[in-house]
């Protein structure tokens, strides 16, 4: 029985900071979730540390990150591609 390869999770977010640590960027992922009681949509934000091999990301860039093996204590994501450069 040949097992199909699992699809890795991908997320799209914006880079909060880059360049302060070598080959690491902090990516902010925002999502809207409905409040359980009031029904209003609330912005939720999660920050991930992602591996940027070529150190080409800068603050404000829109990037796609993909799941990866643990690279350090907090890094479990890798920058797949830069979708939009900051102005």
PDB file of N, CA and C in Angstrom:
ATOM      1  N   UNK A   1       0.830  -1.187   0.000  1.00  0.00           N
ATOM      2  CA  UNK A   1       0.000   0.000   0.000  1.00  0.00           C
ATOM      3  C   UNK A   1       0.873   1.249   0.000  1.00  0.00           C
ATOM      4  N   UNK A   2       0.801   1.960  -1.086  1.00  0.00           N
ATOM      5  CA  UNK A   2       1.563   3.202  -1.195  1.00  0.00           C
ATOM      6  C   UNK A   2       0.756   4.320  -0.558  1.00  0.00           C
ATOM      7  N   UNK A   3       1.372   4.989   0.396  1.00  0.00           N
ATOM      8  CA  UNK A   3       0.693   6.077   1.083  1.00  0.00           C
ATOM      9  C   UNK A   3       0.913   7.391   0.346  1.00  0.00           C
ATOM     10  N   UNK A   4      -0.148   8.147   0.175  1.00  0.00           N
ATOM     11  CA  UNK A   4      -0.041   9.445  -0.504  1.00  0.00           C
ATOM     12  C   UNK A   4       0.677  10.428   0.417  1.00  0.00           C
ATOM     13  N   UNK A   5       1.478  11.321  -0.190  1.00  0.00           N
ATOM     14  CA  UNK A   5       2.182  12.337   0.591  1.00  0.00           C
ATOM     15  C   UNK A   5       1.183  13.334   1.159  1.00  0.00           C
ATOM     16  N   UNK A   6       1.369  13.683   2.419  1.00  0.00           N
ATOM     17  CA  UNK A   6       0.489  14.662   3.045  1.00  0.00           C
ATOM     18  C   UNK A   6       0.799  16.051   2.519  1.00  0.00           C
ATOM     19  N   UNK A   7      -0.255  16.833   2.295  1.00  0.00           N
ATOM     20  CA  UNK A   7      -0.077  18.227   1.903  1.00  0.00           C
ATOM     21  C   UNK A   7       0.340  19.024   3.128  1.00  0.00           C
ATOM     22  N   UNK A   8       1.364  19.849   2.999  1.00  0.00           N
ATOM     23  CA  UNK A   8       1.801  20.678   4.106  1.00  0.00           C
ATOM     24  C   UNK A   8       0.951  21.935   4.163  1.00  0.00           C
ATOM     25  N   UNK A   9       0.712  22.416   5.372  1.00  0.00           N
ATOM     26  CA  UNK A   9      -0.094  23.621   5.546  1.00  0.00           C
ATOM     27  C   UNK A   9       0.641  24.832   4.995  1.00  0.00           C
ATOM     28  N   UNK A  10      -0.093  25.698   4.316  1.00  0.00           N
ATOM     29  CA  UNK A  10       0.474  26.955   3.845  1.00  0.00           C
ATOM     30  C   UNK A  10      -0.386  28.090   4.372  1.00  0.00           C
ATOM     31  N   UNK A  11       0.257  29.189   4.743  1.00  0.00           N
ATOM     32  CA  UNK A  11      -0.430  30.362   5.252  1.00  0.00           C
ATOM     33  C   UNK A  11       0.116  31.600   4.550  1.00  0.00           C
ATOM     34  N   UNK A  12      -0.718  32.611   4.416  1.00  0.00           N
ATOM     35  CA  UNK A  12      -0.292  33.866   3.803  1.00  0.00           C
ATOM     36  C   UNK A  12      -0.403  34.964   4.858  1.00  0.00           C
ATOM     37  N   UNK A  13       0.672  35.728   5.010  1.00  0.00           N
ATOM     38  CA  UNK A  13       0.681  36.799   6.000  1.00  0.00           C
ATOM     39  C   UNK A  13       1.696  37.858   5.647  1.00  0.00           C
ATOM     40  N   UNK A  14       1.847  38.825   6.546  1.00  0.00           N
ATOM     41  CA  UNK A  14       2.785  39.908   6.298  1.00  0.00           C
ATOM     42  C   UNK A  14       3.941  39.827   7.282  1.00  0.00           C
ATOM     43  N   UNK A  15       5.113  40.236   6.815  1.00  0.00           N
ATOM     44  CA  UNK A  15       6.324  40.185   7.629  1.00  0.00           C
ATOM     45  C   UNK A  15       6.321  41.370   8.595  1.00  0.00           C
ATOM     46  N   UNK A  16       6.431  41.084   9.882  1.00  0.00           N
ATOM     47  CA  UNK A  16       6.497  42.148  10.888  1.00  0.00           C
ATOM     48  C   UNK A  16       7.915  42.650  11.047  1.00  0.00           C
ATOM     49  N   UNK A  17       8.862  41.713  11.158  1.00  0.00           N
ATOM     50  CA  UNK A  17      10.256  42.128  11.288  1.00  0.00           C
ATOM     51  C   UNK A  17      11.143  41.121  10.595  1.00  0.00           C
ATOM     52  N   UNK A  18      12.178  41.627   9.978  1.00  0.00           N
ATOM     53  CA  UNK A  18      13.137  40.772   9.295  1.00  0.00           C
ATOM     54  C   UNK A  18      14.499  41.427   9.334  1.00  0.00           C
ATOM     55  N   UNK A  19      15.547  40.625   9.392  1.00  0.00           N
ATOM     56  CA  UNK A  19      16.888  41.172   9.381  1.00  0.00           C
ATOM     57  C   UNK A  19      17.511  41.309  10.754  1.00  0.00           C
ATOM     58  N   UNK A  20      16.713  41.252  11.802  1.00  0.00           N
ATOM     59  CA  UNK A  20      17.272  41.382  13.144  1.00  0.00           C
ATOM     60  C   UNK A  20      17.980  40.092  13.556  1.00  0.00           C
ATOM     61  N   UNK A  21      17.411  38.965  13.147  1.00  0.00           N
ATOM     62  CA  UNK A  21      18.043  37.672  13.397  1.00  0.00           C
ATOM     63  C   UNK A  21      18.383  37.045  12.058  1.00  0.00           C
ATOM     64  N   UNK A  22      19.464  36.307  12.009  1.00  0.00           N
ATOM     65  CA  UNK A  22      19.936  35.740  10.750  1.00  0.00           C
ATOM     66  C   UNK A  22      18.956  34.697  10.219  1.00  0.00           C
ATOM     67  N   UNK A  23      18.526  34.870   8.978  1.00  0.00           N
ATOM     68  CA  UNK A  23      17.672  33.933   8.253  1.00  0.00           C
ATOM     69  C   UNK A  23      16.333  33.661   8.927  1.00  0.00           C
ATOM     70  N   UNK A  24      15.849  34.603   9.727  1.00  0.00           N
ATOM     71  CA  UNK A  24      14.568  34.434  10.403  1.00  0.00           C
ATOM     72  C   UNK A  24      13.717  35.672  10.222  1.00  0.00           C
ATOM     73  N   UNK A  25      12.427  35.467   9.937  1.00  0.00           N
ATOM     74  CA  UNK A  25      11.470  36.560   9.868  1.00  0.00           C
ATOM     75  C   UNK A  25      10.276  36.218  10.749  1.00  0.00           C
ATOM     76  N   UNK A  26       9.612  37.248  11.254  1.00  0.00           N
ATOM     77  CA  UNK A  26       8.399  37.044  12.030  1.00  0.00           C
ATOM     78  C   UNK A  26       7.228  37.418  11.128  1.00  0.00           C
ATOM     79  N   UNK A  27       6.326  36.446  10.917  1.00  0.00           N
ATOM     80  CA  UNK A  27       5.200  36.623  10.007  1.00  0.00           C
ATOM     81  C   UNK A  27       3.909  36.679  10.819  1.00  0.00           C
ATOM     82  N   UNK A  28       3.087  37.676  10.537  1.00  0.00           N
ATOM     83  CA  UNK A  28       1.809  37.843  11.213  1.00  0.00           C
ATOM     84  C   UNK A  28       0.692  37.329  10.307  1.00  0.00           C
ATOM     85  N   UNK A  29      -0.108  36.410  10.840  1.00  0.00           N
ATOM     86  CA  UNK A  29      -1.240  35.853  10.108  1.00  0.00           C
ATOM     87  C   UNK A  29      -2.509  36.377  10.755  1.00  0.00           C
ATOM     88  N   UNK A  30      -3.336  37.099   9.983  1.00  0.00           N
ATOM     89  CA  UNK A  30      -4.595  37.615  10.504  1.00  0.00           C
ATOM     90  C   UNK A  30      -5.755  36.826   9.923  1.00  0.00           C
ATOM     91  N   UNK A  31      -6.727  36.514  10.793  1.00  0.00           N
ATOM     92  CA  UNK A  31      -7.927  35.834  10.325  1.00  0.00           C
ATOM     93  C   UNK A  31      -9.124  36.442  11.028  1.00  0.00           C
ATOM     94  N   UNK A  32     -10.292  36.332  10.417  1.00  0.00           N
ATOM     95  CA  UNK A  32     -11.519  36.813  11.020  1.00  0.00           C
ATOM     96  C   UNK A  32     -12.257  35.627  11.623  1.00  0.00           C
ATOM     97  N   UNK A  33     -12.701  35.777  12.869  1.00  0.00           N
ATOM     98  CA  UNK A  33     -13.496  34.728  13.490  1.00  0.00           C
ATOM     99  C   UNK A  33     -14.728  35.370  14.115  1.00  0.00           C
ATOM    100  N   UNK A  34     -15.804  34.636  14.094  1.00  0.00           N
ATOM    101  CA  UNK A  34     -17.063  35.151  14.606  1.00  0.00           C
ATOM    102  C   UNK A  34     -17.102  34.999  16.120  1.00  0.00           C
ATOM    103  N   UNK A  35     -17.488  36.073  16.816  1.00  0.00           N
ATOM    104  CA  UNK A  35     -17.595  36.019  18.265  1.00  0.00           C
ATOM    105  C   UNK A  35     -18.739  35.074  18.639  1.00  0.00           C
ATOM    106  N   UNK A  36     -18.504  34.146  19.584  1.00  0.00           N
ATOM    107  CA  UNK A  36     -19.516  33.130  19.894  1.00  0.00           C
ATOM    108  C   UNK A  36     -20.844  33.696  20.410  1.00  0.00           C
ATOM    109  N   UNK A  37     -20.813  34.790  21.144  1.00  0.00           N
ATOM    110  CA  UNK A  37     -22.054  35.329  21.705  1.00  0.00           C
ATOM    111  C   UNK A  37     -22.605  36.495  20.894  1.00  0.00           C
ATOM    112  N   UNK A  38     -21.743  37.474  20.593  1.00  0.00           N
ATOM    113  CA  UNK A  38     -22.217  38.689  19.934  1.00  0.00           C
ATOM    114  C   UNK A  38     -22.369  38.554  18.428  1.00  0.00           C
ATOM    115  N   UNK A  39     -21.710  37.577  17.826  1.00  0.00           N
ATOM    116  CA  UNK A  39     -21.845  37.370  16.392  1.00  0.00           C
ATOM    117  C   UNK A  39     -21.019  38.325  15.551  1.00  0.00           C
ATOM    118  N   UNK A  40     -20.312  39.254  16.202  1.00  0.00           N
ATOM    119  CA  UNK A  40     -19.479  40.202  15.478  1.00  0.00           C
ATOM    120  C   UNK A  40     -18.193  39.506  15.036  1.00  0.00           C
ATOM    121  N   UNK A  41     -17.674  39.889  13.870  1.00  0.00           N
ATOM    122  CA  UNK A  41     -16.415  39.315  13.399  1.00  0.00           C
ATOM    123  C   UNK A  41     -15.242  40.053  14.035  1.00  0.00           C
ATOM    124  N   UNK A  42     -14.321  39.290  14.612  1.00  0.00           N
ATOM    125  CA  UNK A  42     -13.188  39.835  15.347  1.00  0.00           C
ATOM    126  C   UNK A  42     -11.901  39.408  14.658  1.00  0.00           C
ATOM    127  N   UNK A  43     -10.946  40.343  14.541  1.00  0.00           N
ATOM    128  CA  UNK A  43      -9.648  40.005  13.949  1.00  0.00           C
ATOM    129  C   UNK A  43      -8.806  39.267  14.973  1.00  0.00           C
ATOM    130  N   UNK A  44      -8.278  38.139  14.578  1.00  0.00           N
ATOM    131  CA  UNK A  44      -7.363  37.376  15.425  1.00  0.00           C
ATOM    132  C   UNK A  44      -6.017  37.368  14.738  1.00  0.00           C
ATOM    133  N   UNK A  45      -4.932  37.523  15.505  1.00  0.00           N
ATOM    134  CA  UNK A  45      -3.607  37.566  14.919  1.00  0.00           C
ATOM    135  C   UNK A  45      -2.698  36.563  15.615  1.00  0.00           C
ATOM    136  N   UNK A  46      -1.941  35.821  14.792  1.00  0.00           N
ATOM    137  CA  UNK A  46      -0.973  34.860  15.299  1.00  0.00           C
ATOM    138  C   UNK A  46       0.365  35.192  14.649  1.00  0.00           C
ATOM    139  N   UNK A  47       1.436  35.131  15.440  1.00  0.00           N
ATOM    140  CA  UNK A  47       2.761  35.412  14.902  1.00  0.00           C
ATOM    141  C   UNK A  47       3.563  34.122  14.831  1.00  0.00           C
ATOM    142  N   UNK A  48       4.200  33.883  13.681  1.00  0.00           N
ATOM    143  CA  UNK A  48       5.043  32.711  13.483  1.00  0.00           C
ATOM    144  C   UNK A  48       6.447  33.156  13.112  1.00  0.00           C
ATOM    145  N   UNK A  49       7.440  32.420  13.598  1.00  0.00           N
ATOM    146  CA  UNK A  49       8.818  32.641  13.164  1.00  0.00           C
ATOM    147  C   UNK A  49       9.059  31.700  11.995  1.00  0.00           C
ATOM    148  N   UNK A  50       9.558  32.253  10.892  1.00  0.00           N
ATOM    149  CA  UNK A  50       9.750  31.459   9.683  1.00  0.00           C
ATOM    150  C   UNK A  50      11.189  31.577   9.206  1.00  0.00           C
ATOM    151  N   UNK A  51      11.673  30.508   8.583  1.00  0.00           N
ATOM    152  CA  UNK A  51      13.038  30.458   8.067  1.00  0.00           C
ATOM    153  C   UNK A  51      13.087  31.103   6.687  1.00  0.00           C
ATOM    154  N   UNK A  52      13.970  32.088   6.529  1.00  0.00           N
ATOM    155  CA  UNK A  52      14.155  32.781   5.249  1.00  0.00           C
ATOM    156  C   UNK A  52      15.605  32.544   4.823  1.00  0.00           C
ATOM    157  N   UNK A  53      15.823  31.542   3.993  1.00  0.00           N
ATOM    158  CA  UNK A  53      17.171  31.073   3.648  1.00  0.00           C
ATOM    159  C   UNK A  53      18.048  32.173   3.056  1.00  0.00           C
ATOM    160  N   UNK A  54      17.494  32.980   2.130  1.00  0.00           N
ATOM    161  CA  UNK A  54      18.306  33.977   1.429  1.00  0.00           C
ATOM    162  C   UNK A  54      18.247  35.354   2.085  1.00  0.00           C
ATOM    163  N   UNK A  55      17.514  35.468   3.175  1.00  0.00           N
ATOM    164  CA  UNK A  55      17.349  36.748   3.900  1.00  0.00           C
ATOM    165  C   UNK A  55      16.901  37.871   2.968  1.00  0.00           C
ATOM    166  N   UNK A  56      15.895  37.581   2.138  1.00  0.00           N
ATOM    167  CA  UNK A  56      15.429  38.582   1.177  1.00  0.00           C
ATOM    168  C   UNK A  56      14.113  39.236   1.585  1.00  0.00           C
ATOM    169  N   UNK A  57      13.509  38.800   2.675  1.00  0.00           N
ATOM    170  CA  UNK A  57      12.256  39.402   3.142  1.00  0.00           C
ATOM    171  C   UNK A  57      12.547  40.653   3.962  1.00  0.00           C
ATOM    172  N   UNK A  58      11.654  41.634   3.834  1.00  0.00           N
ATOM    173  CA  UNK A  58      11.755  42.865   4.615  1.00  0.00           C
ATOM    174  C   UNK A  58      10.405  43.114   5.273  1.00  0.00           C
ATOM    175  N   UNK A  59      10.382  43.988   6.252  1.00  0.00           N
ATOM    176  CA  UNK A  59       9.144  44.307   6.958  1.00  0.00           C
ATOM    177  C   UNK A  59       8.107  44.852   5.979  1.00  0.00           C
ATOM    178  N   UNK A  60       6.892  44.348   6.070  1.00  0.00           N
ATOM    179  CA  UNK A  60       5.806  44.793   5.198  1.00  0.00           C
ATOM    180  C   UNK A  60       5.557  43.907   3.996  1.00  0.00           C
ATOM    181  N   UNK A  61       6.474  42.980   3.693  1.00  0.00           N
ATOM    182  CA  UNK A  61       6.282  42.075   2.560  1.00  0.00           C
ATOM    183  C   UNK A  61       5.143  41.098   2.843  1.00  0.00           C
ATOM    184  N   UNK A  62       4.417  40.741   1.789  1.00  0.00           N
ATOM    185  CA  UNK A  62       3.382  39.712   1.899  1.00  0.00           C
ATOM    186  C   UNK A  62       4.013  38.398   1.450  1.00  0.00           C
ATOM    187  N   UNK A  63       4.009  37.388   2.327  1.00  0.00           N
ATOM    188  CA  UNK A  63       4.704  36.133   2.036  1.00  0.00           C
ATOM    189  C   UNK A  63       3.794  34.934   2.253  1.00  0.00           C
ATOM    190  N   UNK A  64       4.172  33.829   1.623  1.00  0.00           N
ATOM    191  CA  UNK A  64       3.515  32.552   1.850  1.00  0.00           C
ATOM    192  C   UNK A  64       4.492  31.679   2.623  1.00  0.00           C
ATOM    193  N   UNK A  65       4.024  31.127   3.752  1.00  0.00           N
ATOM    194  CA  UNK A  65       4.881  30.253   4.546  1.00  0.00           C
ATOM    195  C   UNK A  65       4.304  28.846   4.525  1.00  0.00           C
ATOM    196  N   UNK A  66       5.192  27.863   4.669  1.00  0.00           N
ATOM    197  CA  UNK A  66       4.791  26.464   4.610  1.00  0.00           C
ATOM    198  C   UNK A  66       5.381  25.743   5.815  1.00  0.00           C
ATOM    199  N   UNK A  67       4.677  24.715   6.277  1.00  0.00           N
ATOM    200  CA  UNK A  67       5.143  23.913   7.408  1.00  0.00           C
ATOM    201  C   UNK A  67       6.503  23.302   7.109  1.00  0.00           C
ATOM    202  N   UNK A  68       7.333  23.178   8.132  1.00  0.00           N
ATOM    203  CA  UNK A  68       8.651  22.580   7.950  1.00  0.00           C
ATOM    204  C   UNK A  68       9.032  21.846   9.234  1.00  0.00           C
ATOM    205  N   UNK A  69      10.147  21.144   9.171  1.00  0.00           N
ATOM    206  CA  UNK A  69      10.640  20.454  10.365  1.00  0.00           C
ATOM    207  C   UNK A  69      11.099  21.506  11.373  1.00  0.00           C
ATOM    208  N   UNK A  70      11.164  21.185  12.648  1.00  0.00           N
ATOM    209  CA  UNK A  70      11.647  22.158  13.623  1.00  0.00           C
ATOM    210  C   UNK A  70      13.105  22.555  13.349  1.00  0.00           C
ATOM    211  N   UNK A  71      13.341  23.857  13.194  1.00  0.00           N
ATOM    212  CA  UNK A  71      14.692  24.355  12.919  1.00  0.00           C
ATOM    213  C   UNK A  71      15.334  24.973  14.138  1.00  0.00           C
ATOM    214  N   UNK A  72      14.528  25.398  15.083  1.00  0.00           N
ATOM    215  CA  UNK A  72      15.026  25.913  16.356  1.00  0.00           C
ATOM    216  C   UNK A  72      13.886  25.782  17.357  1.00  0.00           C
ATOM    217  N   UNK A  73      14.036  26.421  18.489  1.00  0.00           N
ATOM    218  CA  UNK A  73      13.023  26.280  19.540  1.00  0.00           C
ATOM    219  C   UNK A  73      11.660  26.811  19.087  1.00  0.00           C
ATOM    220  N   UNK A  74      11.635  27.872  18.295  1.00  0.00           N
ATOM    221  CA  UNK A  74      10.380  28.488  17.885  1.00  0.00           C
ATOM    222  C   UNK A  74      10.099  28.431  16.389  1.00  0.00           C
ATOM    223  N   UNK A  75      11.083  28.053  15.585  1.00  0.00           N
ATOM    224  CA  UNK A  75      10.904  28.056  14.125  1.00  0.00           C
ATOM    225  C   UNK A  75      10.417  26.708  13.615  1.00  0.00           C
ATOM    226  N   UNK A  76       9.171  26.701  13.080  1.00  0.00           N
ATOM    227  CA  UNK A  76       8.610  25.493  12.469  1.00  0.00           C
ATOM    228  C   UNK A  76       7.989  25.786  11.107  1.00  0.00           C
ATOM    229  N   UNK A  77       8.297  26.952  10.545  1.00  0.00           N
ATOM    230  CA  UNK A  77       7.772  27.360   9.249  1.00  0.00           C
ATOM    231  C   UNK A  77       8.914  27.835   8.367  1.00  0.00           C
ATOM    232  N   UNK A  78       8.677  27.813   7.046  1.00  0.00           N
ATOM    233  CA  UNK A  78       9.677  28.223   6.066  1.00  0.00           C
ATOM    234  C   UNK A  78       8.996  29.130   5.050  1.00  0.00           C
ATOM    235  N   UNK A  79       9.689  30.181   4.624  1.00  0.00           N
ATOM    236  CA  UNK A  79       9.132  31.089   3.617  1.00  0.00           C
ATOM    237  C   UNK A  79       9.172  30.390   2.268  1.00  0.00           C
ATOM    238  N   UNK A  80       7.986  30.202   1.674  1.00  0.00           N
ATOM    239  CA  UNK A  80       7.906  29.530   0.373  1.00  0.00           C
ATOM    240  C   UNK A  80       8.146  30.527  -0.753  1.00  0.00           C
ATOM    241  N   UNK A  81       7.447  31.669  -0.691  1.00  0.00           N
ATOM    242  CA  UNK A  81       7.644  32.691  -1.720  1.00  0.00           C
ATOM    243  C   UNK A  81       7.178  34.047  -1.213  1.00  0.00           C
ATOM    244  N   UNK A  82       7.720  35.089  -1.834  1.00  0.00           N
ATOM    245  CA  UNK A  82       7.307  36.452  -1.531  1.00  0.00           C
ATOM    246  C   UNK A  82       6.241  36.828  -2.562  1.00  0.00           C
ATOM    247  N   UNK A  83       5.045  37.102  -2.085  1.00  0.00           N
ATOM    248  CA  UNK A  83       3.938  37.404  -2.991  1.00  0.00           C
ATOM    249  C   UNK A  83       3.936  38.880  -3.411  1.00  0.00           C
ATOM    250  N   UNK A  84       4.316  39.756  -2.479  1.00  0.00           N
ATOM    251  CA  UNK A  84       4.276  41.188  -2.762  1.00  0.00           C
ATOM    252  C   UNK A  84       5.338  41.888  -1.918  1.00  0.00           C
ATOM    253  N   UNK A  85       6.165  42.707  -2.557  1.00  0.00           N
ATOM    254  CA  UNK A  85       7.197  43.439  -1.822  1.00  0.00           C
ATOM    255  C   UNK A  85       6.587  44.698  -1.227  1.00  0.00           C
ATOM    256  N   UNK A  86       7.119  45.138  -0.083  1.00  0.00           N
ATOM    257  CA  UNK A  86       6.660  46.366   0.556  1.00  0.00           C
ATOM    258  C   UNK A  86       7.168  47.573  -0.231  1.00  0.00           C
ATOM    259  N   UNK A  87       6.436  48.651  -0.130  1.00  0.00           N
ATOM    260  CA  UNK A  87       6.843  49.858  -0.865  1.00  0.00           C
ATOM    261  C   UNK A  87       7.878  50.624  -0.119  1.00  0.00           C
TER     262      UNK A  87
END
